[in-house]
N, C-alpha and C. Protein backbone atom coordinates (compact mmCIF):
# COMPACT_ATOMS: atom_id res chain seq x y z
N UNK A 1 -2.68 37.10 -14.62
CA UNK A 1 -1.30 37.18 -14.44
C UNK A 1 -1.00 38.56 -15.04
N UNK A 2 0.29 39.01 -14.39
CA UNK A 2 0.70 40.39 -15.02
C UNK A 2 1.24 39.87 -16.14
N UNK A 3 0.81 40.90 -17.16
CA UNK A 3 1.40 40.39 -18.69
C UNK A 3 2.95 40.72 -18.72
N UNK A 4 3.42 41.46 -17.77
CA UNK A 4 4.82 41.47 -18.05
C UNK A 4 5.59 40.35 -17.45
N UNK A 5 5.26 39.31 -16.88
CA UNK A 5 5.69 38.26 -16.27
C UNK A 5 5.66 37.44 -17.75
N UNK A 6 6.72 37.11 -18.30
CA UNK A 6 6.92 36.13 -19.18
C UNK A 6 7.99 35.10 -18.92
N UNK A 7 7.32 33.79 -19.31
CA UNK A 7 8.10 32.32 -19.05
C UNK A 7 9.43 32.48 -19.98
N UNK A 8 10.60 32.34 -19.50
CA UNK A 8 11.43 32.25 -19.98
C UNK A 8 12.03 30.77 -20.50
N UNK A 9 12.22 30.65 -21.73
CA UNK A 9 12.39 29.10 -22.46
C UNK A 9 14.00 29.11 -22.32
N UNK A 10 14.69 28.40 -21.56
CA UNK A 10 15.93 28.04 -21.46
C UNK A 10 16.70 26.94 -22.47
N UNK A 11 18.13 26.99 -22.99
CA UNK A 11 18.47 26.30 -24.00
C UNK A 11 18.19 24.73 -23.54
N UNK A 12 18.54 24.44 -22.28
CA UNK A 12 18.43 23.05 -21.80
C UNK A 12 17.05 22.87 -21.80
N UNK A 13 16.16 21.85 -22.07
CA UNK A 13 15.09 21.64 -22.03
C UNK A 13 14.78 20.13 -21.34
N UNK A 14 13.47 19.43 -20.95
CA UNK A 14 12.86 18.52 -20.54
C UNK A 14 13.54 17.58 -21.03
N UNK A 15 13.25 17.63 -22.30
CA UNK A 15 14.07 16.63 -23.40
C UNK A 15 15.42 15.74 -23.03
N UNK A 16 16.17 17.29 -22.98
CA UNK A 16 17.78 17.27 -22.94
C UNK A 16 18.10 16.40 -21.72
N UNK A 17 17.18 16.82 -20.46
CA UNK A 17 17.32 16.34 -19.24
C UNK A 17 17.35 14.81 -19.06
N UNK A 18 16.17 14.58 -19.57
CA UNK A 18 15.52 13.30 -19.86
C UNK A 18 16.80 12.07 -20.50
N UNK A 19 17.08 12.82 -21.55
CA UNK A 19 18.19 12.07 -22.23
C UNK A 19 19.48 11.99 -21.36
N UNK A 20 19.97 13.02 -20.71
CA UNK A 20 21.12 12.67 -19.99
C UNK A 20 20.96 11.69 -18.73
N UNK A 21 19.68 11.87 -18.10
CA UNK A 21 19.33 10.98 -16.89
C UNK A 21 19.06 9.47 -17.44
N UNK A 22 18.73 9.19 -18.90
CA UNK A 22 18.43 7.99 -19.09
C UNK A 22 17.13 7.45 -18.85
N UNK A 23 16.33 8.21 -18.83
CA UNK A 23 14.72 7.90 -18.75
C UNK A 23 13.99 8.58 -18.57
N UNK A 24 12.51 8.53 -18.90
CA UNK A 24 11.38 9.29 -19.00
C UNK A 24 11.51 9.93 -17.89
N UNK A 25 10.70 11.49 -17.61
CA UNK A 25 10.57 12.16 -16.24
C UNK A 25 8.68 12.09 -16.54
N UNK A 26 8.37 12.09 -15.21
CA UNK A 26 6.78 11.84 -15.13
C UNK A 26 6.37 11.92 -14.02
N UNK A 27 4.90 12.35 -13.41
CA UNK A 27 4.73 12.53 -12.03
C UNK A 27 3.91 11.24 -11.47
N UNK A 28 4.18 10.55 -10.67
CA UNK A 28 3.30 9.60 -10.21
C UNK A 28 2.31 9.92 -8.67
N UNK A 29 1.30 9.90 -8.84
CA UNK A 29 0.09 10.82 -8.01
C UNK A 29 -0.30 9.66 -7.30
N UNK A 30 0.07 9.62 -5.94
CA UNK A 30 -0.36 8.44 -5.37
C UNK A 30 -1.64 9.01 -4.26
N UNK A 31 -2.90 8.54 -4.57
CA UNK A 31 -4.19 8.85 -3.75
C UNK A 31 -4.83 8.17 -3.22
N UNK A 32 -5.61 8.45 -2.06
CA UNK A 32 -6.24 7.41 -1.23
C UNK A 32 -6.52 7.75 0.25
N UNK A 33 -7.33 7.36 0.87
CA UNK A 33 -7.33 7.40 2.12
C UNK A 33 -6.05 7.68 3.31
N UNK A 34 -6.34 8.51 4.22
CA UNK A 34 -5.32 8.56 5.24
C UNK A 34 -5.08 6.93 5.70
N UNK A 35 -4.37 6.33 5.95
CA UNK A 35 -3.92 4.94 6.25
C UNK A 35 -3.97 4.14 5.20
N UNK A 36 -3.96 4.36 3.98
CA UNK A 36 -4.30 3.58 3.02
C UNK A 36 -2.86 3.03 2.38
N UNK A 37 -2.06 3.56 3.21
CA UNK A 37 -0.59 2.73 2.49
C UNK A 37 0.19 3.71 1.12
N UNK A 38 -0.26 4.69 1.08
CA UNK A 38 0.41 5.60 -0.20
C UNK A 38 1.74 5.74 0.15
N UNK A 39 2.08 6.55 1.24
CA UNK A 39 3.39 6.80 1.67
C UNK A 39 4.34 5.67 1.90
N UNK A 40 3.88 4.54 2.16
CA UNK A 40 4.61 3.16 2.31
C UNK A 40 5.05 2.67 1.15
N UNK A 41 4.00 2.83 0.19
CA UNK A 41 4.19 2.20 -1.11
C UNK A 41 5.00 3.07 -2.23
N UNK A 42 4.44 4.44 -1.85
CA UNK A 42 5.41 4.99 -2.75
C UNK A 42 6.90 5.28 -2.16
N UNK A 43 7.15 5.08 -1.17
CA UNK A 43 8.33 5.03 -0.31
C UNK A 43 9.06 3.81 -0.92
N UNK A 44 8.85 2.78 -1.21
CA UNK A 44 9.52 0.98 -1.34
C UNK A 44 9.48 1.81 -2.94
N UNK A 45 8.32 2.12 -3.61
CA UNK A 45 8.51 2.06 -5.32
C UNK A 45 9.82 2.95 -5.23
N UNK A 46 9.82 4.11 -4.74
CA UNK A 46 11.09 4.91 -4.94
C UNK A 46 12.34 4.25 -4.82
N UNK A 47 12.86 3.82 -3.93
CA UNK A 47 13.53 2.48 -3.41
C UNK A 47 14.25 1.97 -4.68
N UNK A 48 13.12 1.12 -5.10
CA UNK A 48 13.04 0.05 -6.21
C UNK A 48 13.57 0.91 -7.27
N UNK A 49 13.04 2.04 -7.69
CA UNK A 49 13.39 3.24 -9.07
C UNK A 49 14.99 3.80 -8.62
N UNK A 50 15.24 3.74 -7.49
CA UNK A 50 16.48 4.49 -7.39
C UNK A 50 17.54 3.44 -7.52
N UNK A 51 17.24 2.31 -7.15
CA UNK A 51 18.35 1.34 -6.92
C UNK A 51 18.36 0.95 -8.82
N UNK A 52 17.11 0.91 -9.25
CA UNK A 52 17.51 0.62 -10.94
C UNK A 52 18.20 2.13 -11.57
N UNK A 53 18.86 3.09 -10.79
CA UNK A 53 19.55 3.95 -11.54
C UNK A 53 18.29 5.63 -12.06
N UNK A 54 17.26 5.29 -11.39
CA UNK A 54 16.13 6.10 -12.00
C UNK A 54 16.51 7.29 -10.90
N UNK A 55 16.32 8.73 -11.69
CA UNK A 55 16.40 9.83 -10.49
C UNK A 55 15.20 10.24 -10.43
N UNK A 56 14.97 10.04 -9.08
CA UNK A 56 13.46 10.25 -8.28
C UNK A 56 13.64 11.07 -7.19
N UNK A 57 12.18 12.24 -7.09
CA UNK A 57 12.06 12.67 -5.40
C UNK A 57 10.81 12.30 -5.05
N UNK A 58 10.76 12.25 -3.79
CA UNK A 58 9.21 11.79 -3.28
C UNK A 58 8.68 12.93 -2.37
N UNK A 59 7.80 13.12 -2.83
CA UNK A 59 6.77 14.58 -2.19
C UNK A 59 6.04 13.96 -1.19
N UNK A 60 5.85 14.12 0.23
CA UNK A 60 4.71 13.67 0.87
C UNK A 60 4.20 14.74 1.80
N UNK A 61 2.78 14.22 1.79
CA UNK A 61 1.93 15.34 2.59
C UNK A 61 2.62 16.24 4.04
N UNK A 62 3.22 15.61 4.62
CA UNK A 62 3.64 16.00 5.91
C UNK A 62 4.53 16.61 5.72
N UNK A 63 5.69 16.30 5.02
CA UNK A 63 6.85 16.88 4.81
C UNK A 63 6.86 18.24 3.97
N UNK A 64 5.60 18.31 3.32
CA UNK A 64 5.66 19.26 2.56
C UNK A 64 5.19 20.71 3.36
N UNK A 65 4.32 20.62 4.37
CA UNK A 65 3.63 20.93 5.24
C UNK A 65 4.77 21.81 6.46
N UNK A 66 5.88 21.13 6.46
CA UNK A 66 7.00 21.99 7.07
C UNK A 66 7.60 23.07 6.47
N UNK A 67 7.49 23.35 5.02
CA UNK A 67 8.00 24.42 4.32
C UNK A 67 7.10 24.86 3.45
N UNK A 68 7.34 24.34 2.47
CA UNK A 68 6.77 24.78 1.09
C UNK A 68 4.86 25.20 1.41
N UNK A 69 4.45 24.56 2.17
CA UNK A 69 2.92 24.72 2.78
C UNK A 69 3.14 24.89 4.21
N UNK A 70 3.71 25.44 4.64
CA UNK A 70 4.10 25.94 5.96
C UNK A 70 2.92 26.78 6.29
N UNK A 71 2.09 26.63 7.05
CA UNK A 71 1.01 27.88 7.63
C UNK A 71 -0.48 27.53 7.02
N UNK A 72 -0.28 26.64 6.09
CA UNK A 72 -1.72 26.00 5.57
C UNK A 72 -2.24 25.40 6.24
N UNK A 73 -3.70 25.40 6.97
CA UNK A 73 -4.50 24.76 7.48
C UNK A 73 -5.23 23.47 6.85
N UNK A 74 -6.23 22.98 7.36
CA UNK A 74 -7.18 21.70 6.64
C UNK A 74 -8.35 22.05 6.37
N UNK A 75 -8.83 23.28 5.89
CA UNK A 75 -10.10 23.92 5.33
C UNK A 75 -9.96 23.61 3.95
N UNK A 76 -10.91 23.64 3.27
CA UNK A 76 -10.82 23.22 1.88
C UNK A 76 -10.20 24.16 1.00
N UNK A 77 -10.00 25.17 1.39
CA UNK A 77 -9.74 26.49 0.44
C UNK A 77 -8.05 26.04 0.83
N UNK A 78 -7.54 25.77 1.84
CA UNK A 78 -6.18 25.62 2.36
C UNK A 78 -5.80 24.31 1.61
N UNK A 79 -6.62 23.37 1.63
CA UNK A 79 -6.41 21.98 0.96
C UNK A 79 -6.00 22.04 -0.47
N UNK A 80 -6.60 23.00 -0.98
CA UNK A 80 -6.71 23.10 -2.47
C UNK A 80 -5.25 23.87 -2.77
N UNK A 81 -5.14 24.86 -1.69
CA UNK A 81 -3.85 25.66 -2.04
C UNK A 81 -2.92 24.78 -2.09
N UNK A 82 -2.62 24.00 -0.84
CA UNK A 82 -1.46 22.75 -0.53
C UNK A 82 -1.39 22.41 -1.84
N UNK A 83 -2.54 21.77 -2.38
CA UNK A 83 -2.30 20.74 -3.60
C UNK A 83 -1.59 21.83 -4.79
N UNK A 84 -2.32 22.79 -4.95
CA UNK A 84 -1.79 23.58 -6.00
C UNK A 84 -0.46 24.12 -5.76
N UNK A 85 0.07 24.02 -4.80
CA UNK A 85 1.75 24.38 -4.42
C UNK A 85 2.41 23.18 -5.05
N UNK A 86 1.67 21.97 -4.50
CA UNK A 86 2.61 20.73 -4.95
C UNK A 86 2.62 20.57 -6.00
N UNK A 87 1.47 20.61 -6.58
CA UNK A 87 1.48 20.30 -8.40
C UNK A 87 2.31 21.14 -8.85
N UNK A 88 2.34 22.76 -8.61
CA UNK A 88 3.27 23.31 -9.27
C UNK A 88 5.11 23.07 -9.09
N UNK A 89 5.24 22.47 -8.08
CA UNK A 89 6.69 22.21 -7.49
C UNK A 89 6.91 20.87 -8.26
N UNK A 90 5.81 19.72 -8.41
CA UNK A 90 5.96 18.64 -9.15
C UNK A 90 6.36 18.88 -10.53
N UNK A 91 5.67 19.79 -11.24
CA UNK A 91 5.73 20.43 -12.68
C UNK A 91 7.12 20.74 -12.88
N UNK A 92 7.90 21.54 -11.86
CA UNK A 92 9.05 21.86 -12.33
C UNK A 92 10.11 20.54 -12.12
N UNK A 93 9.88 19.77 -10.99
CA UNK A 93 10.64 18.54 -11.05
C UNK A 93 10.70 17.93 -11.88
N UNK A 94 9.67 17.50 -12.68
CA UNK A 94 9.50 16.62 -14.09
C UNK A 94 10.33 17.43 -14.98
N UNK A 95 9.84 18.87 -15.06
CA UNK A 95 10.98 19.21 -16.08
C UNK A 95 12.60 19.30 -15.56
N UNK A 96 12.48 19.31 -14.63
CA UNK A 96 14.08 19.17 -14.40
C UNK A 96 14.51 17.63 -14.84
N UNK A 97 13.45 16.59 -15.38
CA UNK A 97 14.05 15.01 -15.59
C UNK A 97 13.78 14.01 -14.66
N UNK A 98 13.13 14.39 -13.39
CA UNK A 98 12.97 13.48 -12.46
C UNK A 98 11.79 12.60 -12.41
N UNK A 99 11.76 11.62 -12.16
CA UNK A 99 10.38 10.89 -11.82
C UNK A 99 9.83 11.20 -10.49
N UNK A 100 8.77 11.82 -10.46
CA UNK A 100 8.43 12.32 -9.00
C UNK A 100 7.27 11.75 -8.62
N UNK A 101 7.55 11.22 -7.39
CA UNK A 101 6.33 10.25 -6.94
C UNK A 101 5.58 11.47 -5.50
N UNK A 102 4.39 11.54 -5.51
CA UNK A 102 3.47 12.43 -4.76
C UNK A 102 2.53 11.46 -3.91
N UNK A 103 2.85 11.89 -2.53
CA UNK A 103 1.52 11.21 -1.95
C UNK A 103 0.78 11.82 -0.86
N UNK A 104 -0.39 12.11 -1.30
CA UNK A 104 -1.06 12.89 -1.08
C UNK A 104 -2.72 12.46 -0.83
N UNK A 105 -3.66 12.71 0.07
CA UNK A 105 -5.00 12.24 0.10
C UNK A 105 -5.89 12.67 -0.80
N UNK A 106 -5.35 13.99 -1.27
CA UNK A 106 -6.14 14.80 -2.34
C UNK A 106 -7.44 14.19 -2.71
N UNK A 107 -8.58 14.54 -1.96
CA UNK A 107 -9.97 14.03 -1.89
C UNK A 107 -10.65 14.19 -2.87
N UNK A 108 -10.35 15.47 -3.44
CA UNK A 108 -11.15 15.85 -4.53
C UNK A 108 -10.94 15.71 -6.04
N UNK A 109 -11.62 15.47 -6.96
CA UNK A 109 -11.22 14.77 -8.13
C UNK A 109 -10.73 16.20 -8.93
N UNK A 110 -11.51 17.40 -8.76
CA UNK A 110 -11.00 18.76 -9.57
C UNK A 110 -9.63 19.07 -9.00
N UNK A 111 -9.27 18.82 -8.02
CA UNK A 111 -7.76 19.16 -7.40
C UNK A 111 -6.77 18.40 -8.19
N UNK A 112 -7.02 17.01 -8.47
CA UNK A 112 -6.38 16.31 -9.03
C UNK A 112 -6.23 16.22 -10.66
N UNK A 113 -7.33 16.64 -11.17
CA UNK A 113 -7.13 17.11 -12.50
C UNK A 113 -6.65 18.36 -13.00
N UNK A 114 -6.88 19.25 -11.94
CA UNK A 114 -5.63 20.42 -12.46
C UNK A 114 -4.43 20.40 -12.22
N UNK A 115 -3.92 19.21 -11.49
CA UNK A 115 -2.77 19.05 -11.12
C UNK A 115 -2.17 18.16 -12.58
N UNK A 116 -3.34 17.32 -13.03
CA UNK A 116 -2.68 16.40 -14.21
C UNK A 116 -2.81 17.68 -15.45
N UNK A 117 -3.71 18.75 -15.41
CA UNK A 117 -3.54 19.53 -16.33
C UNK A 117 -2.28 20.41 -16.50
N UNK A 118 -1.72 20.69 -15.66
CA UNK A 118 -0.35 20.81 -15.72
C UNK A 118 0.69 20.23 -16.60
N UNK A 119 0.59 19.22 -16.63
CA UNK A 119 1.60 18.34 -17.28
C UNK A 119 1.11 17.74 -18.71
N UNK A 120 1.91 17.69 -19.66
CA UNK A 120 1.97 17.13 -21.00
C UNK A 120 1.23 15.82 -20.97
N UNK A 121 0.31 15.20 -21.86
CA UNK A 121 -0.46 14.15 -21.85
C UNK A 121 0.59 12.81 -21.72
N UNK A 122 0.46 11.99 -20.39
CA UNK A 122 0.93 10.66 -20.49
C UNK A 122 2.08 11.24 -19.37
N UNK A 123 2.10 12.50 -18.81
CA UNK A 123 3.06 12.48 -17.66
C UNK A 123 2.78 12.55 -16.38
N UNK A 124 1.30 12.57 -16.15
CA UNK A 124 0.66 12.49 -15.12
C UNK A 124 0.21 11.01 -14.95
N UNK A 125 0.79 10.21 -14.07
CA UNK A 125 -0.03 8.85 -13.48
C UNK A 125 -0.81 9.04 -12.40
N UNK A 126 -2.16 8.49 -12.24
CA UNK A 126 -2.83 8.69 -10.81
C UNK A 126 -2.99 7.51 -10.54
N UNK A 127 -2.27 7.03 -9.39
CA UNK A 127 -2.23 5.86 -8.67
C UNK A 127 -3.07 5.80 -7.49
N UNK A 128 -4.29 4.84 -7.58
CA UNK A 128 -5.27 5.02 -6.49
C UNK A 128 -5.05 3.82 -5.68
N UNK A 129 -4.60 4.11 -4.43
CA UNK A 129 -4.54 3.30 -3.45
C UNK A 129 -5.55 3.18 -2.73
N UNK A 130 -6.40 1.89 -3.31
CA UNK A 130 -7.86 1.54 -2.73
C UNK A 130 -7.91 0.66 -1.79
N UNK A 131 -8.04 1.11 -0.46
CA UNK A 131 -7.81 0.50 0.77
C UNK A 131 -9.18 0.75 1.39
N UNK A 132 -10.11 -0.25 1.87
CA UNK A 132 -11.49 0.09 2.32
C UNK A 132 -11.12 1.04 3.71
N UNK A 133 -12.14 1.63 3.92
CA UNK A 133 -12.13 2.45 5.24
C UNK A 133 -11.91 1.94 6.41
N UNK A 134 -12.32 0.54 6.58
CA UNK A 134 -12.65 0.02 8.12
C UNK A 134 -10.83 -0.42 8.29
N UNK A 135 -10.52 -0.97 7.11
CA UNK A 135 -8.88 -1.04 7.00
C UNK A 135 -8.16 0.05 7.65
N UNK A 136 -8.63 0.98 6.95
CA UNK A 136 -7.50 2.31 7.14
C UNK A 136 -7.73 2.96 8.57
N UNK A 137 -8.91 2.56 9.06
CA UNK A 137 -9.25 2.93 10.32
C UNK A 137 -8.44 2.05 11.62
N UNK A 138 -8.66 0.82 11.04
CA UNK A 138 -7.85 -0.15 11.85
C UNK A 138 -6.43 -0.13 11.90
N UNK A 139 -5.64 0.22 10.78
CA UNK A 139 -4.36 0.62 10.94
C UNK A 139 -4.00 1.97 11.80
N UNK A 140 -4.42 3.23 11.42
CA UNK A 140 -4.66 4.53 11.95
C UNK A 140 -3.10 4.81 12.48
N UNK A 141 -2.33 4.75 11.77
CA UNK A 141 -1.08 5.05 12.15
C UNK A 141 -0.64 6.25 12.90
N UNK A 142 -1.39 7.20 12.71
CA UNK A 142 -1.15 8.55 13.53
C UNK A 142 -2.21 8.75 14.60
N UNK A 143 -3.34 7.88 14.63
CA UNK A 143 -4.24 7.95 15.50
C UNK A 143 -5.53 9.26 14.98
N UNK A 144 -5.21 9.43 13.67
CA UNK A 144 -6.17 10.22 13.10
C UNK A 144 -7.59 9.87 13.41
N UNK A 145 -7.94 8.68 12.84
CA UNK A 145 -9.32 8.27 12.91
C UNK A 145 -9.89 8.46 14.19
N UNK A 146 -9.14 8.06 15.37
CA UNK A 146 -10.00 7.94 16.48
C UNK A 146 -10.03 9.29 16.81
N UNK A 147 -9.30 10.34 17.10
CA UNK A 147 -9.49 11.36 16.97
C UNK A 147 -10.71 12.31 16.45
N UNK A 148 -11.08 11.57 15.19
CA UNK A 148 -12.02 12.42 14.10
C UNK A 148 -13.08 11.58 14.49
N UNK A 149 -13.56 10.30 14.96
CA UNK A 149 -14.41 9.66 15.65
C UNK A 149 -15.01 10.26 16.95
N UNK A 150 -13.89 10.75 17.73
CA UNK A 150 -14.33 11.48 18.94
C UNK A 150 -14.51 13.06 18.66
N UNK A 151 -14.54 13.43 17.60
CA UNK A 151 -14.95 14.91 17.10
C UNK A 151 -13.73 15.84 17.31
N UNK A 152 -12.28 15.26 17.78
CA UNK A 152 -11.15 16.39 18.07
C UNK A 152 -10.92 16.59 16.85
N UNK A 153 -11.11 16.11 15.44
CA UNK A 153 -10.63 16.47 14.28
C UNK A 153 -12.02 16.69 13.57
N UNK A 154 -12.07 17.99 12.85
CA UNK A 154 -13.15 18.10 11.79
C UNK A 154 -13.02 18.11 10.65
N UNK A 155 -13.92 17.40 9.83
CA UNK A 155 -13.91 17.72 8.01
C UNK A 155 -12.34 16.61 7.88
N UNK A 156 -12.58 15.55 8.67
CA UNK A 156 -11.52 14.57 8.17
C UNK A 156 -12.01 13.58 7.23
N UNK A 157 -11.14 13.57 5.94
CA UNK A 157 -11.70 12.82 4.77
C UNK A 157 -12.27 11.31 5.11
N UNK A 158 -13.22 10.79 4.83
CA UNK A 158 -13.35 9.55 4.96
C UNK A 158 -14.32 9.35 5.97
N UNK A 159 -14.51 10.54 6.97
CA UNK A 159 -15.48 10.57 8.17
C UNK A 159 -16.39 11.56 8.06
N UNK A 160 -15.81 12.87 7.84
CA UNK A 160 -17.10 13.58 7.67
C UNK A 160 -16.86 14.74 6.66
N UNK A 161 -15.91 14.24 5.80
CA UNK A 161 -15.71 14.83 4.79
C UNK A 161 -15.70 13.95 3.62
N UNK A 162 -16.03 14.18 2.56
CA UNK A 162 -16.05 13.33 1.53
C UNK A 162 -14.37 12.66 0.74
N UNK A 163 -14.35 11.41 0.09
CA UNK A 163 -13.19 11.28 -0.67
C UNK A 163 -14.12 10.79 -2.28
N UNK A 164 -13.40 11.42 -3.14
CA UNK A 164 -13.72 11.40 -4.34
C UNK A 164 -12.70 10.48 -4.91
N UNK A 165 -13.18 9.25 -5.19
CA UNK A 165 -12.22 8.21 -5.75
C UNK A 165 -12.02 8.42 -7.37
N UNK A 166 -11.18 8.25 -7.85
CA UNK A 166 -10.71 8.11 -9.26
C UNK A 166 -11.25 7.72 -10.03
N UNK A 167 -12.03 7.92 -10.85
CA UNK A 167 -12.67 7.23 -12.11
C UNK A 167 -12.10 6.32 -13.30
N UNK A 168 -11.19 6.96 -13.68
CA UNK A 168 -10.18 6.19 -14.62
C UNK A 168 -8.64 6.40 -13.75
N UNK A 169 -8.23 5.80 -12.92
CA UNK A 169 -6.84 6.13 -12.37
C UNK A 169 -5.82 4.98 -13.64
N UNK A 170 -4.53 5.57 -13.82
CA UNK A 170 -3.75 4.65 -14.69
C UNK A 170 -3.31 3.76 -13.93
N UNK A 171 -3.38 3.46 -12.83
CA UNK A 171 -3.19 2.53 -11.83
C UNK A 171 -3.94 2.48 -10.88
N UNK A 172 -4.55 1.31 -10.52
CA UNK A 172 -5.75 0.98 -9.58
C UNK A 172 -5.16 -0.16 -8.65
N UNK A 173 -4.58 0.25 -7.29
CA UNK A 173 -4.03 -0.65 -6.57
C UNK A 173 -5.20 -0.94 -5.16
N UNK A 174 -5.30 -2.48 -5.23
CA UNK A 174 -6.76 -2.96 -4.18
C UNK A 174 -5.41 -3.24 -3.05
N UNK A 175 -5.24 -2.19 -1.91
CA UNK A 175 -4.47 -2.59 -0.90
C UNK A 175 -4.76 -3.21 0.07
N UNK A 176 -5.12 -4.30 0.38
CA UNK A 176 -5.80 -5.08 1.38
C UNK A 176 -5.39 -6.36 1.24
N UNK A 177 -4.61 -6.90 2.31
CA UNK A 177 -4.04 -8.43 2.46
C UNK A 177 -3.09 -8.31 1.67
N UNK A 178 -2.36 -7.53 1.11
CA UNK A 178 -1.06 -7.43 -0.02
C UNK A 178 0.28 -6.88 0.51
N UNK A 179 1.34 -7.68 0.37
CA UNK A 179 2.55 -7.11 0.62
C UNK A 179 2.88 -5.79 0.18
N UNK A 180 4.07 -4.99 0.51
CA UNK A 180 4.43 -4.07 -0.20
C UNK A 180 4.93 -4.61 -1.34
N UNK A 181 5.77 -5.51 -1.19
CA UNK A 181 6.48 -6.11 -2.75
C UNK A 181 5.59 -6.35 -3.64
N UNK A 182 4.28 -6.93 -3.34
CA UNK A 182 3.62 -7.41 -4.54
C UNK A 182 2.94 -5.93 -5.03
N UNK A 183 2.47 -5.02 -4.53
CA UNK A 183 2.06 -3.74 -4.92
C UNK A 183 3.13 -3.34 -5.72
N UNK A 184 4.38 -2.89 -4.92
CA UNK A 184 5.64 -2.11 -5.73
C UNK A 184 5.78 -3.14 -7.31
N UNK A 185 5.63 -4.38 -7.28
CA UNK A 185 5.68 -5.36 -8.36
C UNK A 185 4.54 -4.88 -9.50
N UNK A 186 3.43 -4.79 -8.91
CA UNK A 186 2.24 -4.16 -10.07
C UNK A 186 2.36 -2.91 -10.67
N UNK A 187 2.84 -2.11 -9.80
CA UNK A 187 2.93 -0.91 -10.26
C UNK A 187 4.12 -0.45 -11.00
N UNK A 188 5.33 -1.38 -11.14
CA UNK A 188 6.15 -1.22 -11.88
C UNK A 188 5.83 -1.92 -13.15
N UNK A 189 5.01 -2.86 -13.09
CA UNK A 189 4.68 -3.64 -14.32
C UNK A 189 3.81 -2.72 -15.19
N UNK A 190 2.91 -1.95 -14.42
CA UNK A 190 1.88 -1.02 -15.18
C UNK A 190 2.94 0.06 -16.08
N UNK A 191 3.83 0.51 -15.27
CA UNK A 191 4.48 1.83 -15.69
C UNK A 191 5.27 1.50 -17.14
N UNK A 192 5.89 0.04 -16.87
CA UNK A 192 6.30 -0.44 -18.08
C UNK A 192 5.47 -1.08 -19.03
N UNK A 193 4.41 -1.21 -18.72
CA UNK A 193 3.49 -1.42 -19.79
C UNK A 193 3.27 -0.22 -20.75
N UNK A 194 2.85 1.07 -19.98
CA UNK A 194 2.72 2.10 -20.38
C UNK A 194 4.17 2.86 -20.79
N UNK A 195 5.27 2.03 -21.11
CA UNK A 195 6.48 2.40 -21.57
C UNK A 195 7.03 3.57 -21.17
N UNK A 196 6.79 3.91 -20.06
CA UNK A 196 7.44 4.89 -19.06
C UNK A 196 8.52 4.44 -18.59
N UNK A 197 9.00 3.45 -18.22
CA UNK A 197 10.22 2.85 -17.97
C UNK A 197 10.69 1.42 -18.67
N UNK A 198 11.81 1.42 -19.00
CA UNK A 198 12.18 0.43 -19.71
C UNK A 198 12.44 -0.59 -18.84
């Protein structure tokens, strides 16, 4: 980094913003296979948090590729850059006092760990949406597994590219034969147990 570029510390900080909003700021990072239910769960959880007066923002994998990560492909290097940009954006949003929900396949532990390292201890909450591959393929909401099996999509996570499951996620959701409401209730309970939510 250029030594002439210095981080400017402003008078209003994260603690002041959190106090104004009435809750802690942190990043909920939803990871799991395509079709595991990450975006559905994150969206339903955001609705419940919003209903409770929590200031939130949801970053979704497809949405950020329309702007922030426009032009990036799906090579390993492009995926890493996609997540690096999202991690930096999420860090700024947490600094703004928000509860940020991010739903990304993010298949590699090293990429998720790099985002964790951007935030102070306790402000990165990894949520592993653990859904069997067969279930994800059956759901296949975008038809991506079908294309991957037909060879139309190369390097598809879970088919011809690996998914490295979290070793010790803060929240481990088994998302098979469960309602969205049940899963959201479980995540909320775990956040309350960690004293992230009142």
